[in-house]
Each structure stands twice: as C-alpha cells, then as structure tokens.
Amino acid sequence: MQPVPLKRVFFWALYVLGSLFLVFRVLLSLVPGRINDLKIFLFYLTVDAIPANLLFACYLLYRKIMDTRNWRSEGVPSGTYRLFSFLASMELAFCLLRVGGMMFYLLFESK
C-alpha cells in the first residue's frame, strides 16, 4: 500500500473545512437582525472571507494534483478529484459573490 501524497490530504482537509465554514455562514445568515455597526459588519465579512480563502487554496492544490508532471511519482488522480474540485469552485464563486457584495455595500451604500 502506497502512502497518500500530502497534497491530496491537504486538498480534502481544506475542502471539508471550507465547506463547514460555508455552512456555518449560511446558518449565521438565518439569524434575525441588522448589520448596524462596523464591528458586526467586519465580523460577517471575516466569516465570509474564511471559506473563500480555504476553498481557493483547495482549488490551487487541485491544480497541482492534476499537473501531469506529478503523476509519475504520486499516481494518476481519480475522477473524484474533478467532481469535488468542481463543487469547490462553485462554493468559491458563491463566497466571492458574497464578499464582493459586502465590499460593494461597504464602499458605496454605507453612510
């Protein structure tokens, strides 16, 4: 049995953590209340930025895993990586839209 390359372990760890933080953020958005203070706004912005960073790092690791130069020493990755990298990129797009919307609100709508 061959050991699992560290890039692949980090890919799965970052994907799971990024997805869990994203679920936490979605559940947090269900809490009633308004964002009326800069501290609360920055908290929500930080909670949105954490899964975006984790999923972006997951996407970068996917690019390294799929590099054909690494296949000789690490083995050919399965199709599962393609599926979960697609899911990670969709989650990343959702996070970036939320962060972009919050930045737009901060720059142009807040008074």
PDB file of N, CA and C in Angstrom:
ATOM      1  N   MET A   1       0.839  -1.181   0.000  1.00  0.00           N
ATOM      2  CA  MET A   1       0.000   0.000   0.000  1.00  0.00           C
ATOM      3  C   MET A   1       0.881   1.240   0.000  1.00  0.00           C
ATOM      4  N   GLN A   2       0.644   2.144  -0.954  1.00  0.00           N
ATOM      5  CA  GLN A   2       1.434   3.353  -1.057  1.00  0.00           C
ATOM      6  C   GLN A   2       0.872   4.435  -0.136  1.00  0.00           C
ATOM      7  N   PRO A   3       1.755   5.275   0.395  1.00  0.00           N
ATOM      8  CA  PRO A   3       1.254   6.383   1.220  1.00  0.00           C
ATOM      9  C   PRO A   3       0.552   7.432   0.341  1.00  0.00           C
ATOM     10  N   VAL A   4      -0.401   8.119   0.935  1.00  0.00           N
ATOM     11  CA  VAL A   4      -1.146   9.156   0.210  1.00  0.00           C
ATOM     12  C   VAL A   4      -0.290  10.422   0.187  1.00  0.00           C
ATOM     13  N   PRO A   5      -0.118  11.036  -0.988  1.00  0.00           N
ATOM     14  CA  PRO A   5       0.662  12.276  -1.049  1.00  0.00           C
ATOM     15  C   PRO A   5       0.029  13.378  -0.187  1.00  0.00           C
ATOM     16  N   LEU A   6       0.879  14.207   0.386  1.00  0.00           N
ATOM     17  CA  LEU A   6       0.427  15.236   1.314  1.00  0.00           C
ATOM     18  C   LEU A   6      -0.480  16.270   0.632  1.00  0.00           C
ATOM     19  N   LYS A   7      -0.253  16.520  -0.661  1.00  0.00           N
ATOM     20  CA  LYS A   7      -1.112  17.468  -1.382  1.00  0.00           C
ATOM     21  C   LYS A   7      -2.555  17.008  -1.384  1.00  0.00           C
ATOM     22  N   ARG A   8      -2.751  15.723  -1.533  1.00  0.00           N
ATOM     23  CA  ARG A   8      -4.112  15.183  -1.588  1.00  0.00           C
ATOM     24  C   ARG A   8      -4.780  15.225  -0.223  1.00  0.00           C
ATOM     25  N   VAL A   9      -4.009  14.999   0.827  1.00  0.00           N
ATOM     26  CA  VAL A   9      -4.552  15.094   2.186  1.00  0.00           C
ATOM     27  C   VAL A   9      -4.973  16.531   2.463  1.00  0.00           C
ATOM     28  N   PHE A  10      -4.123  17.496   2.104  1.00  0.00           N
ATOM     29  CA  PHE A  10      -4.470  18.907   2.309  1.00  0.00           C
ATOM     30  C   PHE A  10      -5.661  19.324   1.457  1.00  0.00           C
ATOM     31  N   PHE A  11      -5.778  18.771   0.247  1.00  0.00           N
ATOM     32  CA  PHE A  11      -6.932  19.078  -0.599  1.00  0.00           C
ATOM     33  C   PHE A  11      -8.217  18.711   0.127  1.00  0.00           C
ATOM     34  N   TRP A  12      -8.296  17.491   0.655  1.00  0.00           N
ATOM     35  CA  TRP A  12      -9.509  17.062   1.324  1.00  0.00           C
ATOM     36  C   TRP A  12      -9.749  17.833   2.613  1.00  0.00           C
ATOM     37  N   ALA A  13      -8.686  18.107   3.359  1.00  0.00           N
ATOM     38  CA  ALA A  13      -8.850  18.851   4.609  1.00  0.00           C
ATOM     39  C   ALA A  13      -9.364  20.265   4.334  1.00  0.00           C
ATOM     40  N   LEU A  14      -8.785  20.930   3.342  1.00  0.00           N
ATOM     41  CA  LEU A  14      -9.231  22.284   3.021  1.00  0.00           C
ATOM     42  C   LEU A  14     -10.644  22.297   2.462  1.00  0.00           C
ATOM     43  N   TYR A  15     -10.991  21.277   1.676  1.00  0.00           N
ATOM     44  CA  TYR A  15     -12.344  21.224   1.139  1.00  0.00           C
ATOM     45  C   TYR A  15     -13.370  21.046   2.260  1.00  0.00           C
ATOM     46  N   VAL A  16     -13.096  20.137   3.183  1.00  0.00           N
ATOM     47  CA  VAL A  16     -14.040  19.896   4.282  1.00  0.00           C
ATOM     48  C   VAL A  16     -14.150  21.118   5.172  1.00  0.00           C
ATOM     49  N   LEU A  17     -13.024  21.727   5.534  1.00  0.00           N
ATOM     50  CA  LEU A  17     -13.071  22.916   6.384  1.00  0.00           C
ATOM     51  C   LEU A  17     -13.774  24.088   5.687  1.00  0.00           C
ATOM     52  N   GLY A  18     -13.475  24.300   4.414  1.00  0.00           N
ATOM     53  CA  GLY A  18     -14.128  25.381   3.681  1.00  0.00           C
ATOM     54  C   GLY A  18     -15.623  25.163   3.568  1.00  0.00           C
ATOM     55  N   SER A  19     -16.043  23.933   3.345  1.00  0.00           N
ATOM     56  CA  SER A  19     -17.477  23.641   3.256  1.00  0.00           C
ATOM     57  C   SER A  19     -18.161  23.810   4.605  1.00  0.00           C
ATOM     58  N   LEU A  20     -17.495  23.399   5.678  1.00  0.00           N
ATOM     59  CA  LEU A  20     -18.081  23.571   7.005  1.00  0.00           C
ATOM     60  C   LEU A  20     -18.213  25.049   7.373  1.00  0.00           C
ATOM     61  N   PHE A  21     -17.203  25.841   7.067  1.00  0.00           N
ATOM     62  CA  PHE A  21     -17.304  27.278   7.332  1.00  0.00           C
ATOM     63  C   PHE A  21     -18.396  27.917   6.483  1.00  0.00           C
ATOM     64  N   LEU A  22     -18.575  27.440   5.267  1.00  0.00           N
ATOM     65  CA  LEU A  22     -19.625  27.976   4.410  1.00  0.00           C
ATOM     66  C   LEU A  22     -21.006  27.629   4.967  1.00  0.00           C
ATOM     67  N   VAL A  23     -21.183  26.421   5.451  1.00  0.00           N
ATOM     68  CA  VAL A  23     -22.450  26.031   6.074  1.00  0.00           C
ATOM     69  C   VAL A  23     -22.690  26.875   7.326  1.00  0.00           C
ATOM     70  N   PHE A  24     -21.638  27.109   8.114  1.00  0.00           N
ATOM     71  CA  PHE A  24     -21.759  27.961   9.290  1.00  0.00           C
ATOM     72  C   PHE A  24     -22.191  29.370   8.889  1.00  0.00           C
ATOM     73  N   ARG A  25     -21.640  29.898   7.812  1.00  0.00           N
ATOM     74  CA  ARG A  25     -22.004  31.244   7.366  1.00  0.00           C
ATOM     75  C   ARG A  25     -23.444  31.299   6.880  1.00  0.00           C
ATOM     76  N   VAL A  26     -23.882  30.284   6.187  1.00  0.00           N
ATOM     77  CA  VAL A  26     -25.276  30.257   5.720  1.00  0.00           C
ATOM     78  C   VAL A  26     -26.220  30.175   6.917  1.00  0.00           C
ATOM     79  N   LEU A  27     -25.890  29.360   7.901  1.00  0.00           N
ATOM     80  CA  LEU A  27     -26.712  29.291   9.110  1.00  0.00           C
ATOM     81  C   LEU A  27     -26.677  30.602   9.880  1.00  0.00           C
ATOM     82  N   LEU A  28     -25.546  31.268   9.877  1.00  0.00           N
ATOM     83  CA  LEU A  28     -25.424  32.553  10.555  1.00  0.00           C
ATOM     84  C   LEU A  28     -26.271  33.617   9.869  1.00  0.00           C
ATOM     85  N   SER A  29     -26.447  33.503   8.568  1.00  0.00           N
ATOM     86  CA  SER A  29     -27.265  34.494   7.853  1.00  0.00           C
ATOM     87  C   SER A  29     -28.750  34.326   8.161  1.00  0.00           C
ATOM     88  N   LEU A  30     -29.144  33.193   8.737  1.00  0.00           N
ATOM     89  CA  LEU A  30     -30.540  32.985   9.110  1.00  0.00           C
ATOM     90  C   LEU A  30     -30.902  33.639  10.433  1.00  0.00           C
ATOM     91  N   VAL A  31     -29.912  34.092  11.183  1.00  0.00           N
ATOM     92  CA  VAL A  31     -30.159  34.749  12.465  1.00  0.00           C
ATOM     93  C   VAL A  31     -30.774  36.123  12.182  1.00  0.00           C
ATOM     94  N   PRO A  32     -31.910  36.434  12.802  1.00  0.00           N
ATOM     95  CA  PRO A  32     -32.517  37.742  12.542  1.00  0.00           C
ATOM     96  C   PRO A  32     -31.687  38.866  13.145  1.00  0.00           C
ATOM     97  N   GLY A  33     -31.747  39.998  12.507  1.00  0.00           N
ATOM     98  CA  GLY A  33     -31.014  41.167  12.994  1.00  0.00           C
ATOM     99  C   GLY A  33     -30.469  41.966  11.836  1.00  0.00           C
ATOM    100  N   ARG A  34     -30.008  43.130  12.145  1.00  0.00           N
ATOM    101  CA  ARG A  34     -29.467  44.017  11.115  1.00  0.00           C
ATOM    102  C   ARG A  34     -28.001  44.259  11.370  1.00  0.00           C
ATOM    103  N   ILE A  35     -27.312  44.588  10.321  1.00  0.00           N
ATOM    104  CA  ILE A  35     -25.906  44.976  10.446  1.00  0.00           C
ATOM    105  C   ILE A  35     -25.892  46.488  10.578  1.00  0.00           C
ATOM    106  N   ASN A  36     -25.786  46.957  11.803  1.00  0.00           N
ATOM    107  CA  ASN A  36     -25.841  48.392  12.043  1.00  0.00           C
ATOM    108  C   ASN A  36     -24.564  48.940  12.662  1.00  0.00           C
ATOM    109  N   ASP A  37     -23.569  48.118  12.777  1.00  0.00           N
ATOM    110  CA  ASP A  37     -22.316  48.530  13.393  1.00  0.00           C
ATOM    111  C   ASP A  37     -21.156  48.013  12.538  1.00  0.00           C
ATOM    112  N   LEU A  38     -20.077  48.764  12.495  1.00  0.00           N
ATOM    113  CA  LEU A  38     -18.926  48.353  11.691  1.00  0.00           C
ATOM    114  C   LEU A  38     -18.299  47.069  12.227  1.00  0.00           C
ATOM    115  N   LYS A  39     -18.321  46.875  13.539  1.00  0.00           N
ATOM    116  CA  LYS A  39     -17.759  45.649  14.113  1.00  0.00           C
ATOM    117  C   LYS A  39     -18.534  44.426  13.661  1.00  0.00           C
ATOM    118  N   ILE A  40     -19.845  44.521  13.650  1.00  0.00           N
ATOM    119  CA  ILE A  40     -20.664  43.393  13.199  1.00  0.00           C
ATOM    120  C   ILE A  40     -20.437  43.147  11.713  1.00  0.00           C
ATOM    121  N   PHE A  41     -20.336  44.232  10.943  1.00  0.00           N
ATOM    122  CA  PHE A  41     -20.088  44.096   9.509  1.00  0.00           C
ATOM    123  C   PHE A  41     -18.752  43.415   9.247  1.00  0.00           C
ATOM    124  N   LEU A  42     -17.725  43.819   9.974  1.00  0.00           N
ATOM    125  CA  LEU A  42     -16.407  43.201   9.789  1.00  0.00           C
ATOM    126  C   LEU A  42     -16.410  41.737  10.227  1.00  0.00           C
ATOM    127  N   PHE A  43     -17.191  41.410  11.244  1.00  0.00           N
ATOM    128  CA  PHE A  43     -17.318  40.008  11.645  1.00  0.00           C
ATOM    129  C   PHE A  43     -17.922  39.185  10.514  1.00  0.00           C
ATOM    130  N   TYR A  44     -19.012  39.666   9.920  1.00  0.00           N
ATOM    131  CA  TYR A  44     -19.634  38.950   8.812  1.00  0.00           C
ATOM    132  C   TYR A  44     -18.701  38.871   7.598  1.00  0.00           C
ATOM    133  N   LEU A  45     -17.964  39.922   7.348  1.00  0.00           N
ATOM    134  CA  LEU A  45     -17.016  39.920   6.234  1.00  0.00           C
ATOM    135  C   LEU A  45     -15.911  38.900   6.472  1.00  0.00           C
ATOM    136  N   THR A  46     -15.428  38.814   7.696  1.00  0.00           N
ATOM    137  CA  THR A  46     -14.394  37.841   8.036  1.00  0.00           C
ATOM    138  C   THR A  46     -14.928  36.417   7.918  1.00  0.00           C
ATOM    139  N   VAL A  47     -16.158  36.205   8.390  1.00  0.00           N
ATOM    140  CA  VAL A  47     -16.755  34.875   8.312  1.00  0.00           C
ATOM    141  C   VAL A  47     -16.997  34.488   6.857  1.00  0.00           C
ATOM    142  N   ASP A  48     -17.217  35.454   5.975  1.00  0.00           N
ATOM    143  CA  ASP A  48     -17.350  35.153   4.547  1.00  0.00           C
ATOM    144  C   ASP A  48     -15.993  34.927   3.884  1.00  0.00           C
ATOM    145  N   ALA A  49     -14.966  35.600   4.357  1.00  0.00           N
ATOM    146  CA  ALA A  49     -13.652  35.504   3.721  1.00  0.00           C
ATOM    147  C   ALA A  49     -12.928  34.205   4.079  1.00  0.00           C
ATOM    148  N   ILE A  50     -13.201  33.648   5.241  1.00  0.00           N
ATOM    149  CA  ILE A  50     -12.510  32.422   5.654  1.00  0.00           C
ATOM    150  C   ILE A  50     -12.790  31.253   4.710  1.00  0.00           C
ATOM    151  N   PRO A  51     -14.066  30.929   4.412  1.00  0.00           N
ATOM    152  CA  PRO A  51     -14.265  29.817   3.473  1.00  0.00           C
ATOM    153  C   PRO A  51     -13.773  30.134   2.066  1.00  0.00           C
ATOM    154  N   ALA A  52     -13.813  31.410   1.677  1.00  0.00           N
ATOM    155  CA  ALA A  52     -13.301  31.774   0.350  1.00  0.00           C
ATOM    156  C   ALA A  52     -11.806  31.475   0.264  1.00  0.00           C
ATOM    157  N   ASN A  53     -11.055  31.807   1.297  1.00  0.00           N
ATOM    158  CA  ASN A  53      -9.613  31.538   1.296  1.00  0.00           C
ATOM    159  C   ASN A  53      -9.321  30.041   1.331  1.00  0.00           C
ATOM    160  N   LEU A  54     -10.053  29.302   2.150  1.00  0.00           N
ATOM    161  CA  LEU A  54      -9.827  27.855   2.231  1.00  0.00           C
ATOM    162  C   LEU A  54     -10.153  27.162   0.909  1.00  0.00           C
ATOM    163  N   LEU A  55     -11.256  27.557   0.284  1.00  0.00           N
ATOM    164  CA  LEU A  55     -11.637  26.925  -0.978  1.00  0.00           C
ATOM    165  C   LEU A  55     -10.722  27.350  -2.121  1.00  0.00           C
ATOM    166  N   PHE A  56     -10.181  28.567  -2.056  1.00  0.00           N
ATOM    167  CA  PHE A  56      -9.211  28.991  -3.068  1.00  0.00           C
ATOM    168  C   PHE A  56      -7.925  28.177  -2.951  1.00  0.00           C
ATOM    169  N   ALA A  57      -7.477  27.932  -1.722  1.00  0.00           N
ATOM    170  CA  ALA A  57      -6.291  27.090  -1.518  1.00  0.00           C
ATOM    171  C   ALA A  57      -6.574  25.659  -1.978  1.00  0.00           C
ATOM    172  N   CYS A  58      -7.798  25.192  -1.765  1.00  0.00           N
ATOM    173  CA  CYS A  58      -8.193  23.863  -2.247  1.00  0.00           C
ATOM    174  C   CYS A  58      -8.123  23.807  -3.768  1.00  0.00           C
ATOM    175  N   TYR A  59      -8.578  24.856  -4.435  1.00  0.00           N
ATOM    176  CA  TYR A  59      -8.526  24.906  -5.895  1.00  0.00           C
ATOM    177  C   TYR A  59      -7.084  24.915  -6.398  1.00  0.00           C
ATOM    178  N   LEU A  60      -6.203  25.668  -5.714  1.00  0.00           N
ATOM    179  CA  LEU A  60      -4.796  25.683  -6.114  1.00  0.00           C
ATOM    180  C   LEU A  60      -4.149  24.308  -5.945  1.00  0.00           C
ATOM    181  N   LEU A  61      -4.494  23.615  -4.876  1.00  0.00           N
ATOM    182  CA  LEU A  61      -3.971  22.268  -4.690  1.00  0.00           C
ATOM    183  C   LEU A  61      -4.498  21.318  -5.756  1.00  0.00           C
ATOM    184  N   TYR A  62      -5.741  21.497  -6.160  1.00  0.00           N
ATOM    185  CA  TYR A  62      -6.286  20.681  -7.244  1.00  0.00           C
ATOM    186  C   TYR A  62      -5.467  20.877  -8.512  1.00  0.00           C
ATOM    187  N   ARG A  63      -5.094  22.114  -8.796  1.00  0.00           N
ATOM    188  CA  ARG A  63      -4.286  22.382  -9.987  1.00  0.00           C
ATOM    189  C   ARG A  63      -2.947  21.658  -9.913  1.00  0.00           C
ATOM    190  N   LYS A  64      -2.349  21.616  -8.716  1.00  0.00           N
ATOM    191  CA  LYS A  64      -1.075  20.904  -8.562  1.00  0.00           C
ATOM    192  C   LYS A  64      -1.262  19.385  -8.654  1.00  0.00           C
ATOM    193  N   ILE A  65      -2.368  18.887  -8.123  1.00  0.00           N
ATOM    194  CA  ILE A  65      -2.634  17.449  -8.190  1.00  0.00           C
ATOM    195  C   ILE A  65      -2.841  17.017  -9.633  1.00  0.00           C
ATOM    196  N   MET A  66      -3.514  17.836 -10.423  1.00  0.00           N
ATOM    197  CA  MET A  66      -3.811  17.483 -11.808  1.00  0.00           C
ATOM    198  C   MET A  66      -2.652  17.761 -12.770  1.00  0.00           C
ATOM    199  N   ASP A  67      -1.559  18.284 -12.270  1.00  0.00           N
ATOM    200  CA  ASP A  67      -0.389  18.514 -13.111  1.00  0.00           C
ATOM    201  C   ASP A  67       0.207  17.161 -13.505  1.00  0.00           C
ATOM    202  N   THR A  68       0.336  16.929 -14.799  1.00  0.00           N
ATOM    203  CA  THR A  68       0.780  15.607 -15.278  1.00  0.00           C
ATOM    204  C   THR A  68       2.217  15.289 -14.890  1.00  0.00           C
ATOM    205  N   ARG A  69       3.006  16.286 -14.547  1.00  0.00           N
ATOM    206  CA  ARG A  69       4.392  16.021 -14.147  1.00  0.00           C
ATOM    207  C   ARG A  69       4.464  15.290 -12.813  1.00  0.00           C
ATOM    208  N   ASN A  70       3.420  15.407 -11.990  1.00  0.00           N
ATOM    209  CA  ASN A  70       3.427  14.758 -10.673  1.00  0.00           C
ATOM    210  C   ASN A  70       2.847  13.348 -10.699  1.00  0.00           C
ATOM    211  N   TRP A  71       2.250  12.947 -11.784  1.00  0.00           N
ATOM    212  CA  TRP A  71       1.567  11.660 -11.828  1.00  0.00           C
ATOM    213  C   TRP A  71       2.518  10.480 -11.745  1.00  0.00           C
ATOM    214  N   ARG A  72       3.740  10.643 -12.212  1.00  0.00           N
ATOM    215  CA  ARG A  72       4.687   9.525 -12.186  1.00  0.00           C
ATOM    216  C   ARG A  72       5.047   9.157 -10.749  1.00  0.00           C
ATOM    217  N   SER A  73       5.240  10.145  -9.896  1.00  0.00           N
ATOM    218  CA  SER A  73       5.634   9.857  -8.518  1.00  0.00           C
ATOM    219  C   SER A  73       4.440   9.669  -7.582  1.00  0.00           C
ATOM    220  N   GLU A  74       3.290  10.288  -7.911  1.00  0.00           N
ATOM    221  CA  GLU A  74       2.151  10.237  -6.994  1.00  0.00           C
ATOM    222  C   GLU A  74       1.004   9.365  -7.487  1.00  0.00           C
ATOM    223  N   GLY A  75       1.000   9.001  -8.745  1.00  0.00           N
ATOM    224  CA  GLY A  75      -0.093   8.213  -9.295  1.00  0.00           C
ATOM    225  C   GLY A  75      -1.160   9.111  -9.911  1.00  0.00           C
ATOM    226  N   VAL A  76      -1.925   8.552 -10.815  1.00  0.00           N
ATOM    227  CA  VAL A  76      -2.975   9.305 -11.503  1.00  0.00           C
ATOM    228  C   VAL A  76      -4.148   9.510 -10.541  1.00  0.00           C
ATOM    229  N   PRO A  77      -4.615  10.761 -10.399  1.00  0.00           N
ATOM    230  CA  PRO A  77      -5.745  11.001  -9.505  1.00  0.00           C
ATOM    231  C   PRO A  77      -7.050  10.462 -10.094  1.00  0.00           C
ATOM    232  N   SER A  78      -7.970  10.129  -9.233  1.00  0.00           N
ATOM    233  CA  SER A  78      -9.254   9.589  -9.678  1.00  0.00           C
ATOM    234  C   SER A  78     -10.190  10.718 -10.109  1.00  0.00           C
ATOM    235  N   GLY A  79     -11.320  10.334 -10.671  1.00  0.00           N
ATOM    236  CA  GLY A  79     -12.304  11.325 -11.106  1.00  0.00           C
ATOM    237  C   GLY A  79     -12.988  12.032  -9.953  1.00  0.00           C
ATOM    238  N   THR A  80     -12.830  11.498  -8.748  1.00  0.00           N
ATOM    239  CA  THR A  80     -13.418  12.123  -7.573  1.00  0.00           C
ATOM    240  C   THR A  80     -12.841  13.517  -7.358  1.00  0.00           C
ATOM    241  N   TYR A  81     -11.568  13.691  -7.665  1.00  0.00           N
ATOM    242  CA  TYR A  81     -10.946  14.999  -7.501  1.00  0.00           C
ATOM    243  C   TYR A  81     -11.568  16.019  -8.445  1.00  0.00           C
ATOM    244  N   ARG A  82     -11.898  15.586  -9.655  1.00  0.00           N
ATOM    245  CA  ARG A  82     -12.533  16.501 -10.602  1.00  0.00           C
ATOM    246  C   ARG A  82     -13.916  16.930 -10.107  1.00  0.00           C
ATOM    247  N   LEU A  83     -14.663  15.983  -9.588  1.00  0.00           N
ATOM    248  CA  LEU A  83     -16.005  16.282  -9.090  1.00  0.00           C
ATOM    249  C   LEU A  83     -15.953  17.250  -7.915  1.00  0.00           C
ATOM    250  N   PHE A  84     -15.109  16.947  -6.946  1.00  0.00           N
ATOM    251  CA  PHE A  84     -15.059  17.789  -5.766  1.00  0.00           C
ATOM    252  C   PHE A  84     -14.359  19.123  -6.030  1.00  0.00           C
ATOM    253  N   SER A  85     -13.481  19.181  -7.007  1.00  0.00           N
ATOM    254  CA  SER A  85     -12.905  20.486  -7.353  1.00  0.00           C
ATOM    255  C   SER A  85     -13.948  21.348  -8.050  1.00  0.00           C
ATOM    256  N   PHE A  86     -14.849  20.736  -8.827  1.00  0.00           N
ATOM    257  CA  PHE A  86     -15.951  21.490  -9.417  1.00  0.00           C
ATOM    258  C   PHE A  86     -16.869  22.029  -8.323  1.00  0.00           C
ATOM    259  N   LEU A  87     -17.194  21.185  -7.336  1.00  0.00           N
ATOM    260  CA  LEU A  87     -18.017  21.649  -6.214  1.00  0.00           C
ATOM    261  C   LEU A  87     -17.309  22.750  -5.429  1.00  0.00           C
ATOM    262  N   ALA A  88     -16.007  22.601  -5.230  1.00  0.00           N
ATOM    263  CA  ALA A  88     -15.246  23.627  -4.513  1.00  0.00           C
ATOM    264  C   ALA A  88     -15.221  24.934  -5.290  1.00  0.00           C
ATOM    265  N   SER A  89     -15.115  24.868  -6.610  1.00  0.00           N
ATOM    266  CA  SER A  89     -15.104  26.098  -7.393  1.00  0.00           C
ATOM    267  C   SER A  89     -16.473  26.773  -7.377  1.00  0.00           C
ATOM    268  N   MET A  90     -17.562  26.007  -7.334  1.00  0.00           N
ATOM    269  CA  MET A  90     -18.896  26.609  -7.220  1.00  0.00           C
ATOM    270  C   MET A  90     -19.083  27.252  -5.850  1.00  0.00           C
ATOM    271  N   GLU A  91     -18.617  26.580  -4.810  1.00  0.00           N
ATOM    272  CA  GLU A  91     -18.688  27.160  -3.471  1.00  0.00           C
ATOM    273  C   GLU A  91     -17.813  28.413  -3.383  1.00  0.00           C
ATOM    274  N   LEU A  92     -16.657  28.378  -4.021  1.00  0.00           N
ATOM    275  CA  LEU A  92     -15.775  29.538  -4.043  1.00  0.00           C
ATOM    276  C   LEU A  92     -16.434  30.708  -4.753  1.00  0.00           C
ATOM    277  N   ALA A  93     -17.114  30.444  -5.864  1.00  0.00           N
ATOM    278  CA  ALA A  93     -17.816  31.510  -6.577  1.00  0.00           C
ATOM    279  C   ALA A  93     -18.904  32.122  -5.697  1.00  0.00           C
ATOM    280  N   PHE A  94     -19.630  31.282  -4.972  1.00  0.00           N
ATOM    281  CA  PHE A  94     -20.664  31.775  -4.059  1.00  0.00           C
ATOM    282  C   PHE A  94     -20.049  32.662  -2.978  1.00  0.00           C
ATOM    283  N   CYS A  95     -18.923  32.214  -2.393  1.00  0.00           N
ATOM    284  CA  CYS A  95     -18.254  33.007  -1.353  1.00  0.00           C
ATOM    285  C   CYS A  95     -17.748  34.334  -1.903  1.00  0.00           C
ATOM    286  N   LEU A  96     -17.164  34.289  -3.095  1.00  0.00           N
ATOM    287  CA  LEU A  96     -16.626  35.530  -3.670  1.00  0.00           C
ATOM    288  C   LEU A  96     -17.738  36.509  -4.027  1.00  0.00           C
ATOM    289  N   LEU A  97     -18.892  36.008  -4.448  1.00  0.00           N
ATOM    290  CA  LEU A  97     -20.026  36.897  -4.692  1.00  0.00           C
ATOM    291  C   LEU A  97     -20.507  37.555  -3.405  1.00  0.00           C
ATOM    292  N   ARG A  98     -20.527  36.792  -2.335  1.00  0.00           N
ATOM    293  CA  ARG A  98     -20.935  37.359  -1.037  1.00  0.00           C
ATOM    294  C   ARG A  98     -19.932  38.405  -0.560  1.00  0.00           C
ATOM    295  N   VAL A  99     -18.650  38.081  -0.657  1.00  0.00           N
ATOM    296  CA  VAL A  99     -17.619  39.044  -0.225  1.00  0.00           C
ATOM    297  C   VAL A  99     -17.660  40.281  -1.112  1.00  0.00           C
ATOM    298  N   GLY A 100     -17.808  40.088  -2.426  1.00  0.00           N
ATOM    299  CA  GLY A 100     -17.902  41.234  -3.334  1.00  0.00           C
ATOM    300  C   GLY A 100     -19.117  42.090  -3.048  1.00  0.00           C
ATOM    301  N   GLY A 101     -20.244  41.470  -2.757  1.00  0.00           N
ATOM    302  CA  GLY A 101     -21.444  42.223  -2.412  1.00  0.00           C
ATOM    303  C   GLY A 101     -21.275  43.007  -1.123  1.00  0.00           C
ATOM    304  N   MET A 102     -20.620  42.393  -0.154  1.00  0.00           N
ATOM    305  CA  MET A 102     -20.396  43.097   1.107  1.00  0.00           C
ATOM    306  C   MET A 102     -19.416  44.260   0.930  1.00  0.00           C
ATOM    307  N   MET A 103     -18.405  44.061   0.095  1.00  0.00           N
ATOM    308  CA  MET A 103     -17.468  45.158  -0.165  1.00  0.00           C
ATOM    309  C   MET A 103     -18.156  46.298  -0.927  1.00  0.00           C
ATOM    310  N   PHE A 104     -19.029  45.950  -1.864  1.00  0.00           N
ATOM    311  CA  PHE A 104     -19.788  46.964  -2.586  1.00  0.00           C
ATOM    312  C   PHE A 104     -20.656  47.750  -1.614  1.00  0.00           C
ATOM    313  N   TYR A 105     -21.307  47.042  -0.699  1.00  0.00           N
ATOM    314  CA  TYR A 105     -22.134  47.707   0.313  1.00  0.00           C
ATOM    315  C   TYR A 105     -21.289  48.612   1.186  1.00  0.00           C
ATOM    316  N   LEU A 106     -20.121  48.144   1.581  1.00  0.00           N
ATOM    317  CA  LEU A 106     -19.255  48.946   2.448  1.00  0.00           C
ATOM    318  C   LEU A 106     -18.772  50.203   1.736  1.00  0.00           C
ATOM    319  N   LEU A 107     -18.414  50.087   0.479  1.00  0.00           N
ATOM    320  CA  LEU A 107     -17.845  51.228  -0.244  1.00  0.00           C
ATOM    321  C   LEU A 107     -18.886  52.227  -0.718  1.00  0.00           C
ATOM    322  N   PHE A 108     -20.054  51.739  -1.157  1.00  0.00           N
ATOM    323  CA  PHE A 108     -20.981  52.646  -1.822  1.00  0.00           C
ATOM    324  C   PHE A 108     -22.293  52.885  -1.098  1.00  0.00           C
ATOM    325  N   GLU A 109     -22.736  51.966  -0.265  1.00  0.00           N
ATOM    326  CA  GLU A 109     -24.054  52.111   0.332  1.00  0.00           C
ATOM    327  C   GLU A 109     -24.011  52.571   1.789  1.00  0.00           C
ATOM    328  N   SER A 110     -22.981  52.266   2.511  1.00  0.00           N
ATOM    329  CA  SER A 110     -22.966  52.621   3.949  1.00  0.00           C
ATOM    330  C   SER A 110     -22.737  54.121   4.106  1.00  0.00           C
ATOM    331  N   LYS A 111     -23.306  54.623   5.168  1.00  0.00           N
ATOM    332  CA  LYS A 111     -23.199  56.079   5.415  1.00  0.00           C
ATOM    333  C   LYS A 111     -22.565  56.365   6.738  1.00  0.00           C
TER     334      LYS A 111
END
